[in-house]
Amino acid sequence: MCLTCQESLRIIPAFFGLKPKRKSPLANIKSAKKRARQAIKRRAHNVTMRSSVRTSVRKVMKAIESGNKEAAKAEFIAVVPQIDRMATKGILRKSRAAHYKSQLNARLRAMP
C-alpha cells in the first residue's frame, strides 16, 4: 500500500519513480513523510530479495528434475545460506524458510 497518497493502493508505481497523482500526501508531518518514503524503498528492496530466493529455489528444483544430482546438491548448498539470511532479516518467515529447506532436502535425498 502506498503510504504517501490516498488514491493509489498499489506500491508498484513507486518502484519506477512515478510520482503520486494526488498533490496532498496522507502524511502531514515531515518525519511521517520521510518514514513513508523509507517504507516504499524498504518494501521494494524486500520484494527483490524475496524474489531472488524464489529464483534460487526454482534453480534447485530444475536441477533435481533434470536428474543431475551433483548440480542439484551444489545449488542446494548455495541456496541454504541465502534462505537463512532472508529469514534472519525478516524478509522470509522462519517457518517458510524451514519449509523451503526441508522440501528441497527431501527431494534431493529422494533422487536416485
C-alpha atoms as a PDB file:
ATOM      1  CA  MET A   1       0.000   0.000   0.000  1.00  0.00           C
ATOM      2  CA  CYS A   2       1.345   3.392  -0.952  1.00  0.00           C
ATOM      3  CA  LEU A   3       1.675   5.437   2.191  1.00  0.00           C
ATOM      4  CA  THR A   4       2.151   8.818   0.570  1.00  0.00           C
ATOM      5  CA  CYS A   5      -1.064   9.136  -1.438  1.00  0.00           C
ATOM      6  CA  GLN A   6      -4.713   8.355  -0.805  1.00  0.00           C
ATOM      7  CA  GLU A   7      -5.838   7.305  -4.289  1.00  0.00           C
ATOM      8  CA  SER A   8      -3.129   4.794  -5.120  1.00  0.00           C
ATOM      9  CA  LEU A   9      -3.480   1.477  -3.347  1.00  0.00           C
ATOM     10  CA  ARG A  10      -0.564  -0.211  -5.075  1.00  0.00           C
ATOM     11  CA  ILE A  11       3.094   0.422  -4.435  1.00  0.00           C
ATOM     12  CA  ILE A  12       4.332  -0.653  -7.870  1.00  0.00           C
ATOM     13  CA  PRO A  13       4.409   2.898  -9.365  1.00  0.00           C
ATOM     14  CA  ALA A  14       6.813   3.898  -6.607  1.00  0.00           C
ATOM     15  CA  PHE A  15       9.294   1.272  -7.850  1.00  0.00           C
ATOM     16  CA  PHE A  16       9.593   3.024 -11.180  1.00  0.00           C
ATOM     17  CA  GLY A  17       9.929   6.532  -9.760  1.00  0.00           C
ATOM     18  CA  LEU A  18       6.454   7.647 -10.760  1.00  0.00           C
ATOM     19  CA  LYS A  19       5.003  10.499  -8.787  1.00  0.00           C
ATOM     20  CA  PRO A  20       1.664  10.109  -6.999  1.00  0.00           C
ATOM     21  CA  LYS A  21      -1.284  11.645  -8.836  1.00  0.00           C
ATOM     22  CA  ARG A  22      -2.531  13.464  -5.774  1.00  0.00           C
ATOM     23  CA  LYS A  23      -0.607  16.524  -4.572  1.00  0.00           C
ATOM     24  CA  SER A  24      -1.522  16.353  -0.893  1.00  0.00           C
ATOM     25  CA  PRO A  25       0.122  13.370   0.800  1.00  0.00           C
ATOM     26  CA  LEU A  26      -1.545  11.347   3.500  1.00  0.00           C
ATOM     27  CA  ALA A  27       1.197  12.242   5.962  1.00  0.00           C
ATOM     28  CA  ASN A  28       1.364  15.857   7.137  1.00  0.00           C
ATOM     29  CA  ILE A  29       4.407  15.837   9.415  1.00  0.00           C
ATOM     30  CA  LYS A  30       7.851  15.951   7.829  1.00  0.00           C
ATOM     31  CA  SER A  31       9.106  12.892   9.707  1.00  0.00           C
ATOM     32  CA  ALA A  32       6.000  10.923   8.710  1.00  0.00           C
ATOM     33  CA  LYS A  33       6.579  11.791   5.058  1.00  0.00           C
ATOM     34  CA  LYS A  34      10.155  10.579   5.350  1.00  0.00           C
ATOM     35  CA  ARG A  35       9.015   7.369   7.034  1.00  0.00           C
ATOM     36  CA  ALA A  36       6.555   6.801   4.185  1.00  0.00           C
ATOM     37  CA  ARG A  37       9.326   7.257   1.609  1.00  0.00           C
ATOM     38  CA  GLN A  38      11.587   4.892   3.519  1.00  0.00           C
ATOM     39  CA  ALA A  39       8.823   2.281   3.747  1.00  0.00           C
ATOM     40  CA  ILE A  40       8.392   2.356  -0.027  1.00  0.00           C
ATOM     41  CA  LYS A  41      12.125   1.877  -0.607  1.00  0.00           C
ATOM     42  CA  ARG A  42      12.345  -0.858   2.027  1.00  0.00           C
ATOM     43  CA  ARG A  43       9.394  -2.727   0.538  1.00  0.00           C
ATOM     44  CA  ALA A  44      10.933  -2.560  -2.948  1.00  0.00           C
ATOM     45  CA  HIS A  45      14.186  -3.986  -1.585  1.00  0.00           C
ATOM     46  CA  ASN A  46      12.404  -6.761   0.326  1.00  0.00           C
ATOM     47  CA  VAL A  47      10.366  -7.754  -2.732  1.00  0.00           C
ATOM     48  CA  THR A  48      13.577  -8.008  -4.758  1.00  0.00           C
ATOM     49  CA  MET A  49      15.322 -10.133  -2.136  1.00  0.00           C
ATOM     50  CA  ARG A  50      12.323 -12.446  -1.724  1.00  0.00           C
ATOM     51  CA  SER A  51      12.165 -12.865  -5.483  1.00  0.00           C
ATOM     52  CA  SER A  52      15.840 -13.806  -5.676  1.00  0.00           C
ATOM     53  CA  VAL A  53      15.323 -16.519  -3.055  1.00  0.00           C
ATOM     54  CA  ARG A  54      12.397 -17.941  -5.024  1.00  0.00           C
ATOM     55  CA  THR A  55      14.504 -17.914  -8.201  1.00  0.00           C
ATOM     56  CA  SER A  56      17.269 -19.806  -6.415  1.00  0.00           C
ATOM     57  CA  VAL A  57      14.762 -22.367  -5.136  1.00  0.00           C
ATOM     58  CA  ARG A  58      13.490 -22.810  -8.707  1.00  0.00           C
ATOM     59  CA  LYS A  59      17.070 -23.426  -9.887  1.00  0.00           C
ATOM     60  CA  VAL A  60      17.436 -26.237  -7.360  1.00  0.00           C
ATOM     61  CA  MET A  61      14.094 -27.710  -8.438  1.00  0.00           C
ATOM     62  CA  LYS A  62      15.127 -27.543 -12.094  1.00  0.00           C
ATOM     63  CA  ALA A  63      18.403 -29.324 -11.319  1.00  0.00           C
ATOM     64  CA  ILE A  64      16.502 -32.003  -9.365  1.00  0.00           C
ATOM     65  CA  GLU A  65      14.023 -32.518 -12.206  1.00  0.00           C
ATOM     66  CA  SER A  66      16.826 -32.804 -14.756  1.00  0.00           C
ATOM     67  CA  GLY A  67      18.264 -35.677 -12.710  1.00  0.00           C
ATOM     68  CA  ASN A  68      21.701 -34.157 -12.177  1.00  0.00           C
ATOM     69  CA  LYS A  69      22.347 -34.901  -8.519  1.00  0.00           C
ATOM     70  CA  GLU A  70      25.729 -33.144  -8.316  1.00  0.00           C
ATOM     71  CA  ALA A  71      24.373 -29.913  -9.785  1.00  0.00           C
ATOM     72  CA  ALA A  72      21.279 -30.097  -7.581  1.00  0.00           C
ATOM     73  CA  LYS A  73      23.416 -30.619  -4.489  1.00  0.00           C
ATOM     74  CA  ALA A  74      25.672 -27.692  -5.422  1.00  0.00           C
ATOM     75  CA  GLU A  75      22.637 -25.428  -5.973  1.00  0.00           C
ATOM     76  CA  PHE A  76      21.128 -26.587  -2.670  1.00  0.00           C
ATOM     77  CA  ILE A  77      24.338 -25.828  -0.783  1.00  0.00           C
ATOM     78  CA  ALA A  78      24.359 -22.348  -2.353  1.00  0.00           C
ATOM     79  CA  VAL A  79      20.700 -21.570  -1.610  1.00  0.00           C
ATOM     80  CA  VAL A  80      20.531 -22.647   2.058  1.00  0.00           C
ATOM     81  CA  PRO A  81      22.617 -19.727   3.433  1.00  0.00           C
ATOM     82  CA  GLN A  82      20.625 -17.326   1.283  1.00  0.00           C
ATOM     83  CA  ILE A  83      17.341 -18.662   2.697  1.00  0.00           C
ATOM     84  CA  ASP A  84      18.706 -18.455   6.248  1.00  0.00           C
ATOM     85  CA  ARG A  85      19.880 -14.863   5.705  1.00  0.00           C
ATOM     86  CA  MET A  86      16.462 -13.780   4.455  1.00  0.00           C
ATOM     87  CA  ALA A  87      14.783 -15.468   7.428  1.00  0.00           C
ATOM     88  CA  THR A  88      17.154 -13.759   9.864  1.00  0.00           C
ATOM     89  CA  LYS A  89      16.432 -10.353   8.337  1.00  0.00           C
ATOM     90  CA  GLY A  90      12.687 -10.947   8.442  1.00  0.00           C
ATOM     91  CA  ILE A  91      12.197 -10.922   4.682  1.00  0.00           C
ATOM     92  CA  LEU A  92      11.009 -14.531   4.819  1.00  0.00           C
ATOM     93  CA  ARG A  93       9.148 -16.034   7.726  1.00  0.00           C
ATOM     94  CA  LYS A  94      11.205 -18.566   9.663  1.00  0.00           C
ATOM     95  CA  SER A  95       8.631 -21.295   9.105  1.00  0.00           C
ATOM     96  CA  ARG A  96       8.609 -20.594   5.357  1.00  0.00           C
ATOM     97  CA  ALA A  97      12.403 -20.789   5.240  1.00  0.00           C
ATOM     98  CA  ALA A  98      12.319 -24.092   7.097  1.00  0.00           C
ATOM     99  CA  HIS A  99       9.672 -25.350   4.672  1.00  0.00           C
ATOM    100  CA  TYR A 100      11.812 -24.438   1.660  1.00  0.00           C
ATOM    101  CA  LYS A 101      14.882 -26.154   3.089  1.00  0.00           C
ATOM    102  CA  SER A 102      13.105 -29.319   4.220  1.00  0.00           C
ATOM    103  CA  GLN A 103      11.243 -29.768   0.921  1.00  0.00           C
ATOM    104  CA  LEU A 104      14.367 -29.247  -1.162  1.00  0.00           C
ATOM    105  CA  ASN A 105      16.380 -31.575   1.048  1.00  0.00           C
ATOM    106  CA  ALA A 106      13.686 -34.265   0.910  1.00  0.00           C
ATOM    107  CA  ARG A 107      13.553 -34.094  -2.884  1.00  0.00           C
ATOM    108  CA  LEU A 108      17.328 -34.138  -3.103  1.00  0.00           C
ATOM    109  CA  ARG A 109      17.560 -37.210  -0.886  1.00  0.00           C
ATOM    110  CA  ALA A 110      14.831 -38.970  -2.876  1.00  0.00           C
ATOM    111  CA  MET A 111      16.865 -38.686  -6.066  1.00  0.00           C
ATOM    112  CA  PRO A 112      18.323 -41.987  -7.344  1.00  0.00           C
END
